[in-house]
Amino acid sequence: MRYRALAAALSMALLVSAAGGAEYPEQTVRIIVPYPAGGTTDILARLLADRLSKRLSQNFVVENRGGASGSLGTAAVAQSAPDGYTLLMGTINTHGINSSAFKKLPYDPLKDFSPVTVFATTPNVLMIHPSLGVADIAELLKLARERPGKLDFGSTSIGGSPHMSGELLKMMAKIDIQHVPYKGGGPLLNDLIGGHVKMAFDNMPSAIGHIRGGKVKALAVTTSSRWSGLPDVPTMAESGVPGYEVSAWFGLLAPAGTPAPIVDRLHQTILEILKEEPIRTRLAELGGEPGGNSPANFRRQIETDIRKWAQVYESTGLKPE
């Protein structure tokens, strides 16, 4: 009788472990960042990995696999075993914009993933060089309409959320401005500070230091509400483009088929991490707002973004690569 009870208990323990319950994680977990080191996605992934390591008593390590606007690293996670040991720090690009930016993605952003939660969202910001001579969005739109096709706006890449912030402005405000892509935030900001490009969209974390230093002027943030770190900078919506909103989100996803107990444990742990005051302070310093939505709501957010950016591509005549 005692042996049968012991065998039953052992079987139950094995089932719990296989399902990804309390035993998870039992080995090092990789978080793939589908972009080079040093960018916003990388910074946030390393912040999260450090806290997951401490709370779950196992190593969470970040691995950068850049290329093709995040598609290469994202596809690598989609093709990984659904065991919770390979995760993705996804973005609005990998799971929203890229569906329209590429004719054929090497992954399906909905079918190939089990969303966990958004870790943080950040505004993008529209900045100008002072020599452009406009004080606010209203004056910028007036200038753009007086000089169709003559104003340029820079962004960090083709198809990234800063680029698409500009395309959304073109569509909603009905203006003709030309996109100038750069290879990252550093070169973009250097040219904006130098006046080589007069207007630019960028993620807040890389732009905030230059804004606070007075090297560039922030005209508007792209989120639906003002960012607490720059309370005097209005939103695009309240500046004369009603309904305009772009939030650059960064969230954890697992391969499709990952056991629900693993997804739930990761989700609950991240909710606890997001309550930590040092984390909230650090996110605020980076221009971020804490996430924490449910896996189901995260999936709905991805579905909404895919539809939204498909409409932008169709309305602006952008062609997928």
Protein backbone atom coordinates (compact mmCIF):
# COMPACT_ATOMS: atom_id res chain seq x y z
CA MET A 1 0.00 0.00 0.00
CA ARG A 2 2.83 2.33 0.97
CA TYR A 3 4.64 1.62 -2.31
CA ARG A 4 1.50 2.39 -4.33
CA ALA A 5 1.10 5.71 -2.49
CA LEU A 6 4.74 6.56 -3.12
CA ALA A 7 4.42 5.69 -6.79
CA ALA A 8 1.28 7.80 -7.09
CA ALA A 9 3.00 10.76 -5.46
CA LEU A 10 6.01 10.39 -7.75
CA SER A 11 3.77 10.23 -10.82
CA MET A 12 1.94 13.35 -9.71
CA ALA A 13 5.23 15.18 -9.20
CA LEU A 14 6.37 14.20 -12.69
CA LEU A 15 3.07 15.38 -14.17
CA VAL A 16 3.35 18.73 -12.39
CA SER A 17 6.91 19.15 -13.60
CA ALA A 18 5.99 18.21 -17.17
CA ALA A 19 3.10 20.65 -17.16
CA GLY A 20 5.39 23.42 -16.06
CA GLY A 21 4.00 23.91 -12.57
CA ALA A 22 5.86 24.81 -9.42
CA GLU A 23 9.05 23.07 -10.60
CA TYR A 24 9.58 25.60 -13.42
CA PRO A 25 12.24 26.78 -14.12
CA GLU A 26 14.74 23.98 -13.54
CA GLN A 27 17.43 25.29 -15.90
CA THR A 28 18.62 28.50 -17.52
CA VAL A 29 15.96 30.40 -19.47
CA ARG A 30 16.90 32.40 -22.58
CA ILE A 31 15.09 35.61 -23.45
CA ILE A 32 15.71 36.36 -27.12
CA VAL A 33 15.93 40.05 -28.02
CA PRO A 34 15.41 40.27 -31.79
CA TYR A 35 17.48 43.47 -32.05
CA PRO A 36 21.10 44.46 -31.39
CA ALA A 37 22.31 45.18 -27.88
CA GLY A 38 21.89 48.66 -26.43
CA GLY A 39 18.44 49.58 -27.72
CA THR A 40 15.24 50.00 -25.74
CA THR A 41 14.16 46.36 -26.22
CA ASP A 42 17.53 45.12 -24.98
CA ILE A 43 17.56 47.47 -21.97
CA LEU A 44 14.09 46.40 -20.85
CA ALA A 45 14.77 42.70 -21.45
CA ARG A 46 17.88 42.83 -19.26
CA LEU A 47 15.99 44.66 -16.54
CA LEU A 48 13.28 41.98 -16.60
CA ALA A 49 15.74 39.08 -16.82
CA ASP A 50 17.58 40.27 -13.73
CA ARG A 51 14.41 40.42 -11.66
CA LEU A 52 13.08 37.07 -12.96
CA SER A 53 16.40 35.45 -12.05
CA LYS A 54 16.15 36.71 -8.49
CA ARG A 55 12.48 35.87 -7.98
CA LEU A 56 12.53 32.42 -9.59
CA SER A 57 16.03 31.41 -8.38
CA GLN A 58 17.20 30.47 -11.84
CA ASN A 59 19.26 32.22 -14.51
CA PHE A 60 17.36 34.22 -17.13
CA VAL A 61 19.84 35.33 -19.79
CA VAL A 62 19.37 37.72 -22.69
CA GLU A 63 20.50 36.69 -26.16
CA ASN A 64 20.52 39.25 -28.97
CA ARG A 65 19.54 37.98 -32.43
CA GLY A 66 19.02 41.02 -34.61
CA GLY A 67 18.11 41.25 -38.27
CA ALA A 68 15.21 41.93 -40.65
CA SER A 69 13.43 44.38 -38.32
CA GLY A 70 13.27 41.80 -35.56
CA SER A 71 11.98 38.98 -37.75
CA LEU A 72 14.99 36.67 -37.49
CA GLY A 73 15.09 36.45 -33.71
CA THR A 74 11.32 36.27 -33.49
CA ALA A 75 11.21 33.36 -35.92
CA ALA A 76 13.88 31.54 -33.89
CA VAL A 77 11.63 31.65 -30.82
CA ALA A 78 8.58 30.57 -32.83
CA GLN A 79 10.52 27.47 -33.89
CA SER A 80 11.77 26.66 -30.37
CA ALA A 81 10.44 23.95 -28.10
CA PRO A 82 7.36 25.13 -26.16
CA ASP A 83 8.89 24.30 -22.78
CA GLY A 84 9.35 27.77 -21.29
CA TYR A 85 13.12 27.82 -21.69
CA THR A 86 13.22 30.04 -24.78
CA LEU A 87 11.20 33.26 -24.57
CA LEU A 88 10.92 36.42 -26.66
CA MET A 89 10.94 40.07 -25.76
CA GLY A 90 8.55 41.08 -28.52
CA THR A 91 7.56 44.55 -29.62
CA ILE A 92 4.90 46.43 -31.54
CA ASN A 93 7.19 45.87 -34.55
CA THR A 94 7.54 42.09 -34.29
CA HIS A 95 3.87 41.54 -33.43
CA GLY A 96 2.10 44.38 -35.18
CA ILE A 97 3.88 46.42 -37.83
CA ASN A 98 5.92 43.60 -39.39
CA SER A 99 2.76 41.83 -40.53
CA SER A 100 2.28 44.65 -43.02
CA ALA A 101 5.93 45.64 -43.53
CA PHE A 102 6.93 42.28 -45.03
CA LYS A 103 5.31 40.32 -47.86
CA LYS A 104 6.08 37.09 -46.04
CA LEU A 105 7.09 36.76 -42.41
CA PRO A 106 8.96 33.65 -41.24
CA TYR A 107 6.48 33.38 -38.35
CA ASP A 108 2.82 34.00 -37.56
CA PRO A 109 2.55 36.59 -34.76
CA LEU A 110 -0.68 35.03 -33.45
CA LYS A 111 -0.53 31.29 -34.21
CA ASP A 112 3.13 30.80 -33.29
CA PHE A 113 3.11 32.43 -29.84
CA SER A 114 1.62 32.26 -26.36
CA PRO A 115 1.58 35.86 -25.07
CA VAL A 116 2.56 36.33 -21.42
CA THR A 117 2.26 40.06 -20.70
CA VAL A 118 3.41 43.50 -21.75
CA PHE A 119 6.32 44.50 -19.52
CA ALA A 120 6.37 48.20 -20.43
CA THR A 121 5.10 50.75 -22.89
CA THR A 122 6.90 53.90 -23.96
CA PRO A 123 5.76 56.91 -25.93
CA ASN A 124 7.42 57.91 -29.13
CA VAL A 125 8.12 61.60 -29.43
CA LEU A 126 8.12 64.06 -32.34
CA MET A 127 11.14 66.36 -32.10
CA ILE A 128 12.41 69.22 -34.23
CA HIS A 129 15.62 71.15 -34.67
CA PRO A 130 15.04 74.74 -33.44
CA SER A 131 15.91 76.11 -36.89
CA LEU A 132 12.66 74.69 -38.29
CA GLY A 133 11.00 77.68 -36.64
CA VAL A 134 7.72 76.17 -35.43
CA ALA A 135 6.42 76.32 -31.88
CA ASP A 136 3.86 73.53 -31.89
CA ILE A 137 2.08 70.89 -33.96
CA ALA A 138 -0.42 73.38 -35.37
CA GLU A 139 2.40 75.48 -36.85
CA LEU A 140 4.16 72.35 -38.11
CA LEU A 141 1.05 71.14 -39.92
CA LYS A 142 0.53 74.59 -41.42
CA LEU A 143 4.12 74.61 -42.70
CA ALA A 144 3.78 71.08 -44.11
CA ARG A 145 0.63 72.06 -46.02
CA GLU A 146 2.31 75.15 -47.41
CA ARG A 147 5.30 73.08 -48.56
CA PRO A 148 3.97 69.66 -49.62
CA GLY A 149 6.70 67.08 -50.09
CA LYS A 150 9.41 69.48 -48.93
CA LEU A 151 9.70 68.56 -45.24
CA ASP A 152 11.61 65.48 -44.13
CA PHE A 153 11.22 63.44 -40.98
CA GLY A 154 13.83 61.02 -39.72
CA SER A 155 13.29 57.76 -37.86
CA THR A 156 15.42 54.94 -36.52
CA SER A 157 14.62 52.46 -39.32
CA ILE A 158 12.19 51.49 -42.04
CA GLY A 159 9.08 49.92 -40.53
CA GLY A 160 9.87 50.67 -36.89
CA SER A 161 7.34 52.31 -34.61
CA PRO A 162 9.02 55.76 -34.95
CA HIS A 163 8.73 55.48 -38.75
CA MET A 164 5.12 54.38 -38.49
CA SER A 165 4.38 57.23 -36.08
CA GLY A 166 5.30 59.57 -38.91
CA GLU A 167 3.26 57.64 -41.46
CA LEU A 168 0.24 57.71 -39.14
CA LEU A 169 0.62 61.50 -38.82
CA LYS A 170 0.75 61.80 -42.62
CA MET A 171 -2.42 59.75 -42.95
CA MET A 172 -4.46 61.36 -40.18
CA ALA A 173 -3.36 64.99 -40.74
CA LYS A 174 -3.38 64.61 -44.54
CA ILE A 175 0.10 66.06 -45.04
CA ASP A 176 2.92 65.12 -47.40
CA ILE A 177 6.25 64.74 -45.57
CA GLN A 178 9.14 62.53 -46.67
CA HIS A 179 10.69 59.76 -44.58
CA VAL A 180 14.46 59.59 -44.04
CA PRO A 181 15.45 56.26 -42.43
CA TYR A 182 18.51 55.90 -40.22
CA LYS A 183 20.33 52.89 -38.83
CA GLY A 184 19.40 53.40 -35.20
CA GLY A 185 18.67 56.16 -32.74
CA GLY A 186 22.28 57.36 -32.39
CA PRO A 187 22.82 58.41 -36.01
CA LEU A 188 19.30 59.86 -36.16
CA LEU A 189 19.74 62.03 -33.09
CA ASN A 190 23.20 63.16 -34.18
CA ASP A 191 21.76 64.45 -37.46
CA LEU A 192 18.79 66.05 -35.74
CA ILE A 193 21.03 67.86 -33.24
CA GLY A 194 23.25 68.97 -36.11
CA GLY A 195 20.28 70.24 -38.10
CA HIS A 196 20.86 67.87 -41.03
CA VAL A 197 17.30 66.61 -40.59
CA LYS A 198 14.81 69.07 -39.10
CA MET A 199 12.20 66.71 -37.69
CA ALA A 200 12.29 63.20 -36.22
CA PHE A 201 10.33 60.54 -34.36
CA ASP A 202 12.11 58.35 -31.82
CA ASN A 203 11.42 56.17 -28.78
CA MET A 204 11.41 58.24 -25.61
CA PRO A 205 14.21 56.33 -23.78
CA SER A 206 16.87 57.26 -26.34
CA ALA A 207 15.55 60.80 -26.92
CA ILE A 208 14.83 62.04 -23.42
CA GLY A 209 18.39 63.10 -22.53
CA HIS A 210 18.68 65.32 -25.61
CA ILE A 211 15.25 66.84 -24.99
CA ARG A 212 16.05 67.66 -21.37
CA GLY A 213 19.42 69.01 -22.44
CA GLY A 214 17.75 71.47 -24.81
CA LYS A 215 19.49 70.13 -27.90
CA VAL A 216 16.19 69.34 -29.60
CA LYS A 217 12.61 70.50 -29.02
CA ALA A 218 9.82 68.01 -28.29
CA LEU A 219 6.54 68.99 -29.96
CA ALA A 220 4.32 66.06 -28.97
CA VAL A 221 4.24 62.55 -27.57
CA THR A 222 2.46 59.84 -29.50
CA THR A 223 0.54 58.23 -26.61
CA SER A 224 -3.07 59.01 -25.71
CA SER A 225 -2.03 60.79 -22.49
CA ARG A 226 0.91 63.00 -21.59
CA TRP A 227 4.02 61.38 -20.22
CA SER A 228 4.72 62.28 -16.60
CA GLY A 229 8.43 62.81 -17.31
CA LEU A 230 7.64 65.66 -19.74
CA PRO A 231 4.31 66.98 -18.45
CA ASP A 232 4.48 70.18 -20.53
CA VAL A 233 4.72 68.30 -23.83
CA PRO A 234 1.22 67.69 -25.23
CA THR A 235 -0.07 64.58 -26.95
CA MET A 236 -0.53 64.51 -30.70
CA ALA A 237 -4.27 64.07 -30.17
CA GLU A 238 -4.66 67.23 -28.10
CA SER A 239 -2.45 69.13 -30.55
CA GLY A 240 -4.90 68.91 -33.42
CA VAL A 241 -4.78 65.26 -34.57
CA PRO A 242 -7.70 63.66 -32.69
CA GLY A 243 -7.61 59.89 -32.34
CA TYR A 244 -3.86 59.69 -32.93
CA GLU A 245 -2.08 57.13 -30.72
CA VAL A 246 1.07 55.06 -30.94
CA SER A 247 2.44 53.23 -27.92
CA ALA A 248 5.70 51.35 -28.34
CA TRP A 249 5.15 48.25 -26.20
CA PHE A 250 7.63 45.60 -25.12
CA GLY A 251 6.26 42.27 -23.93
CA LEU A 252 7.22 38.71 -23.08
CA LEU A 253 5.98 35.87 -25.30
CA ALA A 254 6.57 32.12 -25.38
CA PRO A 255 6.30 29.68 -28.29
CA ALA A 256 2.77 28.46 -29.00
CA GLY A 257 1.88 25.36 -27.01
CA THR A 258 3.84 26.37 -23.92
CA PRO A 259 1.98 24.82 -20.96
CA ALA A 260 -0.48 27.19 -19.29
CA PRO A 261 1.11 26.76 -15.81
CA ILE A 262 4.40 28.11 -17.18
CA VAL A 263 2.71 31.08 -18.83
CA ASP A 264 0.74 31.74 -15.65
CA ARG A 265 3.82 31.55 -13.43
CA LEU A 266 5.73 33.97 -15.64
CA HIS A 267 2.73 36.31 -15.77
CA GLN A 268 2.20 36.34 -12.01
CA THR A 269 5.91 36.82 -11.35
CA ILE A 270 6.10 39.78 -13.73
CA LEU A 271 3.06 41.34 -12.03
CA GLU A 272 4.97 41.12 -8.74
CA ILE A 273 8.08 42.61 -10.36
CA LEU A 274 6.09 45.53 -11.73
CA LYS A 275 4.97 46.40 -8.20
CA GLU A 276 8.57 46.84 -7.03
CA GLU A 277 9.30 50.51 -6.48
CA PRO A 278 12.87 50.38 -7.91
CA ILE A 279 11.47 48.85 -11.12
CA ARG A 280 8.73 51.47 -11.41
CA THR A 281 11.30 54.20 -10.82
CA ARG A 282 13.67 52.78 -13.42
CA LEU A 283 10.90 52.45 -15.99
CA ALA A 284 9.92 56.08 -15.36
CA GLU A 285 13.53 57.16 -15.90
CA LEU A 286 13.50 55.34 -19.23
CA GLY A 287 10.25 56.97 -20.32
CA GLY A 288 8.26 53.82 -19.72
CA GLU A 289 4.98 52.89 -18.10
CA PRO A 290 4.51 49.51 -16.38
CA GLY A 291 2.51 46.89 -18.27
CA GLY A 292 0.99 43.80 -16.70
CA ASN A 293 -2.01 42.95 -18.87
CA SER A 294 -3.35 39.39 -18.95
CA PRO A 295 -2.23 36.91 -21.62
CA ALA A 296 -5.70 37.13 -23.21
CA ASN A 297 -5.66 40.93 -23.28
CA PHE A 298 -2.13 40.89 -24.66
CA ARG A 299 -3.31 38.68 -27.52
CA ARG A 300 -6.18 41.08 -28.25
CA GLN A 301 -3.71 43.98 -28.25
CA ILE A 302 -1.60 42.18 -30.86
CA GLU A 303 -4.68 41.54 -33.00
CA THR A 304 -5.63 45.24 -32.79
CA ASP A 305 -2.14 46.39 -33.76
CA ILE A 306 -1.99 44.06 -36.77
CA ARG A 307 -5.28 45.52 -38.09
CA LYS A 308 -4.25 49.12 -37.32
CA TRP A 309 -0.94 49.01 -39.16
CA ALA A 310 -2.44 47.16 -42.12
CA GLN A 311 -4.79 50.12 -42.49
CA VAL A 312 -1.89 52.58 -42.31
CA TYR A 313 0.01 50.69 -45.01
CA GLU A 314 -3.04 50.57 -47.24
CA SER A 315 -3.97 54.23 -46.73
CA THR A 316 -0.47 55.63 -47.25
CA GLY A 317 0.47 53.41 -50.17
CA LEU A 318 3.48 51.94 -48.37
CA LYS A 319 4.75 48.77 -50.01
CA PRO A 320 5.83 45.72 -47.99
CA GLU A 321 9.38 44.52 -48.48
